[in-house]
């Protein structure tokens, strides 16, 4: 079997859909998140991201102004630009099959 990497929203009750195995990644302004479905699920939520490149393209569409903590700095407030490629690789690693 295989799972899918999809865009999804929380249910009306504010919970994670039962067909999401691992999610909550990088919500956009409309609270659409990225997640991995349970193995064998046919759900696609708000759309399937069919490749790591698709995940990066989607992230590029709304995270261009994001920053994240710079762990290499002694300054706890130091930031660096958000790394969409690393984020896409991390999310795509949740793909099974």
PDB file of N, CA and C in Angstrom:
ATOM      1  N   UNK A   1       0.841  -1.184   0.000  1.00  0.00           N
ATOM      2  CA  UNK A   1       0.000   0.000   0.000  1.00  0.00           C
ATOM      3  C   UNK A   1       0.883   1.243   0.000  1.00  0.00           C
ATOM      4  N   UNK A   2       0.220   2.368  -0.062  1.00  0.00           N
ATOM      5  CA  UNK A   2       0.944   3.636  -0.052  1.00  0.00           C
ATOM      6  C   UNK A   2       0.065   4.707   0.582  1.00  0.00           C
ATOM      7  N   UNK A   3       0.707   5.743   1.024  1.00  0.00           N
ATOM      8  CA  UNK A   3      -0.047   6.897   1.521  1.00  0.00           C
ATOM      9  C   UNK A   3       0.133   8.043   0.538  1.00  0.00           C
ATOM     10  N   UNK A   4      -0.472   9.174   0.861  1.00  0.00           N
ATOM     11  CA  UNK A   4      -0.377  10.358   0.009  1.00  0.00           C
ATOM     12  C   UNK A   4       0.070  11.535   0.863  1.00  0.00           C
ATOM     13  N   UNK A   5       0.705  12.493   0.235  1.00  0.00           N
ATOM     14  CA  UNK A   5       0.990  13.771   0.866  1.00  0.00           C
ATOM     15  C   UNK A   5      -0.069  14.725   0.329  1.00  0.00           C
ATOM     16  N   UNK A   6      -0.844  15.319   1.255  1.00  0.00           N
ATOM     17  CA  UNK A   6      -2.001  16.109   0.856  1.00  0.00           C
ATOM     18  C   UNK A   6      -2.078  17.422   1.620  1.00  0.00           C
ATOM     19  N   UNK A   7      -2.882  18.316   1.068  1.00  0.00           N
ATOM     20  CA  UNK A   7      -3.271  19.543   1.762  1.00  0.00           C
ATOM     21  C   UNK A   7      -4.618  19.248   2.426  1.00  0.00           C
ATOM     22  N   UNK A   8      -4.803  19.710   3.656  1.00  0.00           N
ATOM     23  CA  UNK A   8      -6.059  19.434   4.347  1.00  0.00           C
ATOM     24  C   UNK A   8      -6.333  20.509   5.394  1.00  0.00           C
ATOM     25  N   UNK A   9      -7.555  20.519   5.890  1.00  0.00           N
ATOM     26  CA  UNK A   9      -7.971  21.397   6.983  1.00  0.00           C
ATOM     27  C   UNK A   9      -8.481  20.532   8.128  1.00  0.00           C
ATOM     28  N   UNK A  10      -8.508  21.114   9.314  1.00  0.00           N
ATOM     29  CA  UNK A  10      -9.109  20.425  10.452  1.00  0.00           C
ATOM     30  C   UNK A  10     -10.591  20.218  10.189  1.00  0.00           C
ATOM     31  N   UNK A  11     -11.186  19.265  10.880  1.00  0.00           N
ATOM     32  CA  UNK A  11     -12.618  19.024  10.753  1.00  0.00           C
ATOM     33  C   UNK A  11     -13.386  20.195  11.363  1.00  0.00           C
ATOM     34  N   UNK A  12     -14.690  20.229  11.171  1.00  0.00           N
ATOM     35  CA  UNK A  12     -15.538  21.271  11.767  1.00  0.00           C
ATOM     36  C   UNK A  12     -15.424  21.281  13.285  1.00  0.00           C
ATOM     37  N   UNK A  13     -15.097  20.142  13.880  1.00  0.00           N
ATOM     38  CA  UNK A  13     -14.930  20.040  15.334  1.00  0.00           C
ATOM     39  C   UNK A  13     -13.530  20.480  15.782  1.00  0.00           C
ATOM     40  N   UNK A  14     -12.679  20.860  14.807  1.00  0.00           N
ATOM     41  CA  UNK A  14     -11.334  21.322  15.144  1.00  0.00           C
ATOM     42  C   UNK A  14     -10.333  20.206  15.385  1.00  0.00           C
ATOM     43  N   UNK A  15     -10.622  19.022  14.881  1.00  0.00           N
ATOM     44  CA  UNK A  15      -9.724  17.889  15.063  1.00  0.00           C
ATOM     45  C   UNK A  15      -9.070  17.500  13.731  1.00  0.00           C
ATOM     46  N   UNK A  16      -8.005  16.747  13.853  1.00  0.00           N
ATOM     47  CA  UNK A  16      -7.311  16.237  12.670  1.00  0.00           C
ATOM     48  C   UNK A  16      -8.180  15.155  12.038  1.00  0.00           C
ATOM     49  N   UNK A  17      -8.369  15.185  10.722  1.00  0.00           N
ATOM     50  CA  UNK A  17      -9.160  14.128  10.081  1.00  0.00           C
ATOM     51  C   UNK A  17      -8.575  12.745  10.387  1.00  0.00           C
ATOM     52  N   UNK A  18      -9.428  11.761  10.501  1.00  0.00           N
ATOM     53  CA  UNK A  18      -8.973  10.410  10.849  1.00  0.00           C
ATOM     54  C   UNK A  18      -8.079   9.801   9.773  1.00  0.00           C
ATOM     55  N   UNK A  19      -8.142  10.322   8.571  1.00  0.00           N
ATOM     56  CA  UNK A  19      -7.333   9.774   7.480  1.00  0.00           C
ATOM     57  C   UNK A  19      -5.943  10.408   7.394  1.00  0.00           C
ATOM     58  N   UNK A  20      -5.617  11.319   8.324  1.00  0.00           N
ATOM     59  CA  UNK A  20      -4.266  11.900   8.389  1.00  0.00           C
ATOM     60  C   UNK A  20      -3.469  11.148   9.444  1.00  0.00           C
ATOM     61  N   UNK A  21      -2.331  10.604   9.041  1.00  0.00           N
ATOM     62  CA  UNK A  21      -1.435   9.875   9.937  1.00  0.00           C
ATOM     63  C   UNK A  21      -0.459  10.829  10.614  1.00  0.00           C
ATOM     64  N   UNK A  22       0.080  11.778   9.848  1.00  0.00           N
ATOM     65  CA  UNK A  22       1.108  12.695  10.345  1.00  0.00           C
ATOM     66  C   UNK A  22       0.900  14.018   9.630  1.00  0.00           C
ATOM     67  N   UNK A  23       0.514  15.039  10.365  1.00  0.00           N
ATOM     68  CA  UNK A  23       0.213  16.298   9.700  1.00  0.00           C
ATOM     69  C   UNK A  23       0.413  17.505  10.579  1.00  0.00           C
ATOM     70  N   UNK A  24      -0.183  18.599  10.140  1.00  0.00           N
ATOM     71  CA  UNK A  24      -0.075  19.859  10.859  1.00  0.00           C
ATOM     72  C   UNK A  24       1.064  20.722  10.373  1.00  0.00           C
ATOM     73  N   UNK A  25       1.616  20.392   9.230  1.00  0.00           N
ATOM     74  CA  UNK A  25       2.797  21.090   8.736  1.00  0.00           C
ATOM     75  C   UNK A  25       2.432  22.347   7.948  1.00  0.00           C
ATOM     76  N   UNK A  26       3.077  23.423   8.289  1.00  0.00           N
ATOM     77  CA  UNK A  26       3.112  24.685   7.546  1.00  0.00           C
ATOM     78  C   UNK A  26       1.743  25.193   7.097  1.00  0.00           C
ATOM     79  N   UNK A  27       0.863  25.495   8.049  1.00  0.00           N
ATOM     80  CA  UNK A  27      -0.453  26.024   7.655  1.00  0.00           C
ATOM     81  C   UNK A  27      -0.335  27.364   6.937  1.00  0.00           C
ATOM     82  N   UNK A  28      -1.164  27.556   5.927  1.00  0.00           N
ATOM     83  CA  UNK A  28      -1.192  28.834   5.220  1.00  0.00           C
ATOM     84  C   UNK A  28      -2.223  29.754   5.878  1.00  0.00           C
ATOM     85  N   UNK A  29      -2.475  30.904   5.299  1.00  0.00           N
ATOM     86  CA  UNK A  29      -3.392  31.892   5.883  1.00  0.00           C
ATOM     87  C   UNK A  29      -4.824  31.357   5.992  1.00  0.00           C
ATOM     88  N   UNK A  30      -5.186  30.400   5.165  1.00  0.00           N
ATOM     89  CA  UNK A  30      -6.530  29.815   5.202  1.00  0.00           C
ATOM     90  C   UNK A  30      -6.565  28.571   6.099  1.00  0.00           C
ATOM     91  N   UNK A  31      -5.482  28.337   6.842  1.00  0.00           N
ATOM     92  CA  UNK A  31      -5.356  27.195   7.757  1.00  0.00           C
ATOM     93  C   UNK A  31      -5.370  25.850   7.048  1.00  0.00           C
ATOM     94  N   UNK A  32      -4.898  25.832   5.803  1.00  0.00           N
ATOM     95  CA  UNK A  32      -4.701  24.579   5.081  1.00  0.00           C
ATOM     96  C   UNK A  32      -3.297  24.093   5.430  1.00  0.00           C
ATOM     97  N   UNK A  33      -3.209  22.858   5.890  1.00  0.00           N
ATOM     98  CA  UNK A  33      -1.941  22.269   6.313  1.00  0.00           C
ATOM     99  C   UNK A  33      -1.520  21.168   5.352  1.00  0.00           C
ATOM    100  N   UNK A  34      -0.311  20.693   5.547  1.00  0.00           N
ATOM    101  CA  UNK A  34       0.210  19.582   4.757  1.00  0.00           C
ATOM    102  C   UNK A  34       0.357  18.384   5.697  1.00  0.00           C
ATOM    103  N   UNK A  35      -0.001  17.206   5.189  1.00  0.00           N
ATOM    104  CA  UNK A  35       0.145  16.009   5.996  1.00  0.00           C
ATOM    105  C   UNK A  35       0.205  14.759   5.155  1.00  0.00           C
ATOM    106  N   UNK A  36       0.535  13.660   5.821  1.00  0.00           N
ATOM    107  CA  UNK A  36       0.575  12.350   5.188  1.00  0.00           C
ATOM    108  C   UNK A  36      -0.660  11.571   5.605  1.00  0.00           C
ATOM    109  N   UNK A  37      -1.338  10.984   4.636  1.00  0.00           N
ATOM    110  CA  UNK A  37      -2.522  10.185   4.941  1.00  0.00           C
ATOM    111  C   UNK A  37      -2.105   8.852   5.555  1.00  0.00           C
ATOM    112  N   UNK A  38      -3.070   8.173   6.144  1.00  0.00           N
ATOM    113  CA  UNK A  38      -2.821   6.815   6.616  1.00  0.00           C
ATOM    114  C   UNK A  38      -2.557   5.928   5.397  1.00  0.00           C
ATOM    115  N   UNK A  39      -1.813   4.887   5.601  1.00  0.00           N
ATOM    116  CA  UNK A  39      -1.457   3.964   4.533  1.00  0.00           C
ATOM    117  C   UNK A  39      -2.711   3.410   3.871  1.00  0.00           C
ATOM    118  N   UNK A  40      -2.799   3.528   2.567  1.00  0.00           N
ATOM    119  CA  UNK A  40      -3.915   2.992   1.802  1.00  0.00           C
ATOM    120  C   UNK A  40      -5.120   3.911   1.672  1.00  0.00           C
ATOM    121  N   UNK A  41      -5.079   5.100   2.270  1.00  0.00           N
ATOM    122  CA  UNK A  41      -6.214   6.013   2.201  1.00  0.00           C
ATOM    123  C   UNK A  41      -6.426   6.528   0.777  1.00  0.00           C
ATOM    124  N   UNK A  42      -7.690   6.689   0.417  1.00  0.00           N
ATOM    125  CA  UNK A  42      -8.013   7.271  -0.893  1.00  0.00           C
ATOM    126  C   UNK A  42      -8.281   8.772  -0.782  1.00  0.00           C
ATOM    127  N   UNK A  43      -8.275   9.319   0.432  1.00  0.00           N
ATOM    128  CA  UNK A  43      -8.550  10.741   0.650  1.00  0.00           C
ATOM    129  C   UNK A  43      -7.450  11.619   0.045  1.00  0.00           C
ATOM    130  N   UNK A  44      -7.870  12.779  -0.494  1.00  0.00           N
ATOM    131  CA  UNK A  44      -6.901  13.745  -1.011  1.00  0.00           C
ATOM    132  C   UNK A  44      -7.109  15.138  -0.414  1.00  0.00           C
ATOM    133  N   UNK A  45      -8.067  15.276   0.489  1.00  0.00           N
ATOM    134  CA  UNK A  45      -8.279  16.553   1.159  1.00  0.00           C
ATOM    135  C   UNK A  45      -8.466  17.701   0.188  1.00  0.00           C
ATOM    136  N   UNK A  46      -7.636  18.710   0.310  1.00  0.00           N
ATOM    137  CA  UNK A  46      -7.686  19.884  -0.564  1.00  0.00           C
ATOM    138  C   UNK A  46      -6.709  19.761  -1.729  1.00  0.00           C
ATOM    139  N   UNK A  47      -6.220  18.564  -1.956  1.00  0.00           N
ATOM    140  CA  UNK A  47      -5.351  18.313  -3.099  1.00  0.00           C
ATOM    141  C   UNK A  47      -4.122  17.521  -2.717  1.00  0.00           C
ATOM    142  N   UNK A  48      -3.771  16.601  -3.575  1.00  0.00           N
ATOM    143  CA  UNK A  48      -2.576  15.788  -3.371  1.00  0.00           C
ATOM    144  C   UNK A  48      -1.352  16.530  -3.898  1.00  0.00           C
ATOM    145  N   UNK A  49      -0.243  16.385  -3.192  1.00  0.00           N
ATOM    146  CA  UNK A  49       1.055  16.885  -3.636  1.00  0.00           C
ATOM    147  C   UNK A  49       1.830  15.648  -4.073  1.00  0.00           C
ATOM    148  N   UNK A  50       1.951  15.451  -5.376  1.00  0.00           N
ATOM    149  CA  UNK A  50       2.382  14.170  -5.933  1.00  0.00           C
ATOM    150  C   UNK A  50       3.889  13.972  -5.997  1.00  0.00           C
ATOM    151  N   UNK A  51       4.671  14.989  -5.656  1.00  0.00           N
ATOM    152  CA  UNK A  51       6.127  14.843  -5.673  1.00  0.00           C
ATOM    153  C   UNK A  51       6.746  15.822  -4.686  1.00  0.00           C
ATOM    154  N   UNK A  52       7.988  15.583  -4.343  1.00  0.00           N
ATOM    155  CA  UNK A  52       8.699  16.519  -3.466  1.00  0.00           C
ATOM    156  C   UNK A  52       8.758  17.906  -4.099  1.00  0.00           C
ATOM    157  N   UNK A  53       8.935  17.949  -5.416  1.00  0.00           N
ATOM    158  CA  UNK A  53       8.954  19.234  -6.129  1.00  0.00           C
ATOM    159  C   UNK A  53       7.612  19.950  -5.995  1.00  0.00           C
ATOM    160  N   UNK A  54       6.503  19.204  -6.030  1.00  0.00           N
ATOM    161  CA  UNK A  54       5.176  19.811  -5.848  1.00  0.00           C
ATOM    162  C   UNK A  54       5.033  20.400  -4.448  1.00  0.00           C
ATOM    163  N   UNK A  55       5.572  19.694  -3.448  1.00  0.00           N
ATOM    164  CA  UNK A  55       5.521  20.215  -2.079  1.00  0.00           C
ATOM    165  C   UNK A  55       6.290  21.531  -2.003  1.00  0.00           C
ATOM    166  N   UNK A  56       7.481  21.558  -2.581  1.00  0.00           N
ATOM    167  CA  UNK A  56       8.291  22.788  -2.548  1.00  0.00           C
ATOM    168  C   UNK A  56       7.596  23.922  -3.294  1.00  0.00           C
ATOM    169  N   UNK A  57       7.043  23.649  -4.447  1.00  0.00           N
ATOM    170  CA  UNK A  57       6.333  24.678  -5.213  1.00  0.00           C
ATOM    171  C   UNK A  57       5.171  25.234  -4.402  1.00  0.00           C
ATOM    172  N   UNK A  58       4.433  24.351  -3.742  1.00  0.00           N
ATOM    173  CA  UNK A  58       3.320  24.799  -2.914  1.00  0.00           C
ATOM    174  C   UNK A  58       3.836  25.663  -1.763  1.00  0.00           C
ATOM    175  N   UNK A  59       4.878  25.225  -1.078  1.00  0.00           N
ATOM    176  CA  UNK A  59       5.450  26.027   0.010  1.00  0.00           C
ATOM    177  C   UNK A  59       5.954  27.378  -0.501  1.00  0.00           C
ATOM    178  N   UNK A  60       6.582  27.378  -1.664  1.00  0.00           N
ATOM    179  CA  UNK A  60       7.078  28.632  -2.257  1.00  0.00           C
ATOM    180  C   UNK A  60       5.954  29.634  -2.472  1.00  0.00           C
ATOM    181  N   UNK A  61       4.731  29.139  -2.663  1.00  0.00           N
ATOM    182  CA  UNK A  61       3.615  30.023  -2.991  1.00  0.00           C
ATOM    183  C   UNK A  61       3.155  30.877  -1.810  1.00  0.00           C
ATOM    184  N   UNK A  62       3.554  30.530  -0.578  1.00  0.00           N
ATOM    185  CA  UNK A  62       3.079  31.332   0.555  1.00  0.00           C
ATOM    186  C   UNK A  62       4.077  31.510   1.696  1.00  0.00           C
ATOM    187  N   UNK A  63       5.280  30.964   1.582  1.00  0.00           N
ATOM    188  CA  UNK A  63       6.229  31.073   2.696  1.00  0.00           C
ATOM    189  C   UNK A  63       7.440  31.948   2.388  1.00  0.00           C
ATOM    190  N   UNK A  64       7.389  32.716   1.321  1.00  0.00           N
ATOM    191  CA  UNK A  64       8.578  33.479   0.897  1.00  0.00           C
ATOM    192  C   UNK A  64       9.037  34.510   1.927  1.00  0.00           C
ATOM    193  N   UNK A  65       8.152  34.954   2.803  1.00  0.00           N
ATOM    194  CA  UNK A  65       8.546  35.937   3.820  1.00  0.00           C
ATOM    195  C   UNK A  65       8.808  35.295   5.185  1.00  0.00           C
ATOM    196  N   UNK A  66       8.651  34.006   5.290  1.00  0.00           N
ATOM    197  CA  UNK A  66       8.842  33.318   6.565  1.00  0.00           C
ATOM    198  C   UNK A  66      10.318  33.277   6.959  1.00  0.00           C
ATOM    199  N   UNK A  67      10.558  33.260   8.255  1.00  0.00           N
ATOM    200  CA  UNK A  67      11.898  33.046   8.791  1.00  0.00           C
ATOM    201  C   UNK A  67      11.811  31.965   9.859  1.00  0.00           C
ATOM    202  N   UNK A  68      12.975  31.433  10.229  1.00  0.00           N
ATOM    203  CA  UNK A  68      13.047  30.455  11.298  1.00  0.00           C
ATOM    204  C   UNK A  68      14.289  30.725  12.126  1.00  0.00           C
ATOM    205  N   UNK A  69      14.332  30.170  13.310  1.00  0.00           N
ATOM    206  CA  UNK A  69      15.453  30.413  14.213  1.00  0.00           C
ATOM    207  C   UNK A  69      16.753  29.937  13.587  1.00  0.00           C
ATOM    208  N   UNK A  70      17.797  30.743  13.777  1.00  0.00           N
ATOM    209  CA  UNK A  70      19.129  30.387  13.292  1.00  0.00           C
ATOM    210  C   UNK A  70      19.851  29.634  14.407  1.00  0.00           C
ATOM    211  N   UNK A  71      19.853  28.315  14.312  1.00  0.00           N
ATOM    212  CA  UNK A  71      20.457  27.485  15.351  1.00  0.00           C
ATOM    213  C   UNK A  71      21.976  27.590  15.391  1.00  0.00           C
ATOM    214  N   UNK A  72      22.586  28.162  14.358  1.00  0.00           N
ATOM    215  CA  UNK A  72      24.046  28.292  14.343  1.00  0.00           C
ATOM    216  C   UNK A  72      24.516  29.580  15.012  1.00  0.00           C
ATOM    217  N   UNK A  73      23.594  30.414  15.447  1.00  0.00           N
ATOM    218  CA  UNK A  73      23.931  31.696  16.053  1.00  0.00           C
ATOM    219  C   UNK A  73      23.846  31.613  17.581  1.00  0.00           C
ATOM    220  N   UNK A  74      24.698  32.398  18.252  1.00  0.00           N
ATOM    221  CA  UNK A  74      24.628  32.511  19.712  1.00  0.00           C
ATOM    222  C   UNK A  74      23.476  33.413  20.136  1.00  0.00           C
ATOM    223  N   UNK A  75      22.951  34.186  19.197  1.00  0.00           N
ATOM    224  CA  UNK A  75      21.843  35.099  19.475  1.00  0.00           C
ATOM    225  C   UNK A  75      20.527  34.314  19.396  1.00  0.00           C
ATOM    226  N   UNK A  76      19.805  34.156  20.525  1.00  0.00           N
ATOM    227  CA  UNK A  76      18.570  33.373  20.487  1.00  0.00           C
ATOM    228  C   UNK A  76      17.475  33.994  19.624  1.00  0.00           C
ATOM    229  N   UNK A  77      17.623  35.268  19.265  1.00  0.00           N
ATOM    230  CA  UNK A  77      16.637  35.925  18.415  1.00  0.00           C
ATOM    231  C   UNK A  77      17.018  35.959  16.950  1.00  0.00           C
ATOM    232  N   UNK A  78      18.168  35.372  16.609  1.00  0.00           N
ATOM    233  CA  UNK A  78      18.635  35.395  15.222  1.00  0.00           C
ATOM    234  C   UNK A  78      17.779  34.479  14.350  1.00  0.00           C
ATOM    235  N   UNK A  79      17.475  34.941  13.158  1.00  0.00           N
ATOM    236  CA  UNK A  79      16.669  34.153  12.226  1.00  0.00           C
ATOM    237  C   UNK A  79      17.352  34.055  10.870  1.00  0.00           C
ATOM    238  N   UNK A  80      16.906  33.099  10.112  1.00  0.00           N
ATOM    239  CA  UNK A  80      17.346  32.905   8.729  1.00  0.00           C
ATOM    240  C   UNK A  80      16.086  32.697   7.893  1.00  0.00           C
ATOM    241  N   UNK A  81      16.179  32.889   6.586  1.00  0.00           N
ATOM    242  CA  UNK A  81      15.002  32.630   5.742  1.00  0.00           C
ATOM    243  C   UNK A  81      14.548  31.175   5.869  1.00  0.00           C
ATOM    244  N   UNK A  82      13.241  30.976   5.810  1.00  0.00           N
ATOM    245  CA  UNK A  82      12.659  29.635   5.843  1.00  0.00           C
ATOM    246  C   UNK A  82      13.191  28.835   4.665  1.00  0.00           C
ATOM    247  N   UNK A  83      13.606  27.600   4.912  1.00  0.00           N
ATOM    248  CA  UNK A  83      14.187  26.741   3.876  1.00  0.00           C
ATOM    249  C   UNK A  83      13.100  25.828   3.300  1.00  0.00           C
ATOM    250  N   UNK A  84      12.481  26.273   2.218  1.00  0.00           N
ATOM    251  CA  UNK A  84      11.397  25.506   1.604  1.00  0.00           C
ATOM    252  C   UNK A  84      11.875  24.140   1.107  1.00  0.00           C
ATOM    253  N   UNK A  85      13.089  24.087   0.570  1.00  0.00           N
ATOM    254  CA  UNK A  85      13.598  22.816   0.048  1.00  0.00           C
ATOM    255  C   UNK A  85      13.757  21.800   1.174  1.00  0.00           C
ATOM    256  N   UNK A  86      14.313  22.211   2.302  1.00  0.00           N
ATOM    257  CA  UNK A  86      14.480  21.302   3.441  1.00  0.00           C
ATOM    258  C   UNK A  86      13.120  20.880   3.989  1.00  0.00           C
ATOM    259  N   UNK A  87      12.179  21.820   4.045  1.00  0.00           N
ATOM    260  CA  UNK A  87      10.834  21.497   4.530  1.00  0.00           C
ATOM    261  C   UNK A  87      10.166  20.490   3.604  1.00  0.00           C
ATOM    262  N   UNK A  88      10.309  20.677   2.297  1.00  0.00           N
ATOM    263  CA  UNK A  88       9.715  19.748   1.333  1.00  0.00           C
ATOM    264  C   UNK A  88      10.329  18.359   1.471  1.00  0.00           C
ATOM    265  N   UNK A  89      11.635  18.296   1.663  1.00  0.00           N
ATOM    266  CA  UNK A  89      12.304  17.007   1.851  1.00  0.00           C
ATOM    267  C   UNK A  89      11.791  16.317   3.106  1.00  0.00           C
ATOM    268  N   UNK A  90      11.640  17.073   4.193  1.00  0.00           N
ATOM    269  CA  UNK A  90      11.136  16.512   5.440  1.00  0.00           C
ATOM    270  C   UNK A  90       9.724  15.959   5.255  1.00  0.00           C
ATOM    271  N   UNK A  91       8.856  16.734   4.638  1.00  0.00           N
ATOM    272  CA  UNK A  91       7.480  16.266   4.427  1.00  0.00           C
ATOM    273  C   UNK A  91       7.458  15.051   3.502  1.00  0.00           C
ATOM    274  N   UNK A  92       8.224  15.101   2.427  1.00  0.00           N
ATOM    275  CA  UNK A  92       8.205  13.998   1.463  1.00  0.00           C
ATOM    276  C   UNK A  92       8.739  12.708   2.096  1.00  0.00           C
ATOM    277  N   UNK A  93       9.578  12.822   3.124  1.00  0.00           N
ATOM    278  CA  UNK A  93      10.118  11.629   3.797  1.00  0.00           C
ATOM    279  C   UNK A  93       9.017  10.845   4.505  1.00  0.00           C
ATOM    280  N   UNK A  94       7.852  11.441   4.681  1.00  0.00           N
ATOM    281  CA  UNK A  94       6.723  10.779   5.320  1.00  0.00           C
ATOM    282  C   UNK A  94       5.913   9.928   4.323  1.00  0.00           C
ATOM    283  N   UNK A  95       6.320   9.966   3.071  1.00  0.00           N
ATOM    284  CA  UNK A  95       5.657   9.189   2.010  1.00  0.00           C
ATOM    285  C   UNK A  95       6.072   7.735   2.144  1.00  0.00           C
ATOM    286  N   UNK A  96       5.077   6.856   2.123  1.00  0.00           N
ATOM    287  CA  UNK A  96       5.315   5.424   2.222  1.00  0.00           C
ATOM    288  C   UNK A  96       4.884   4.777   0.915  1.00  0.00           C
ATOM    289  N   UNK A  97       5.752   3.982   0.337  1.00  0.00           N
ATOM    290  CA  UNK A  97       5.377   3.259  -0.874  1.00  0.00           C
ATOM    291  C   UNK A  97       5.416   4.032  -2.141  1.00  0.00           C
TER     292      UNK A  97
END
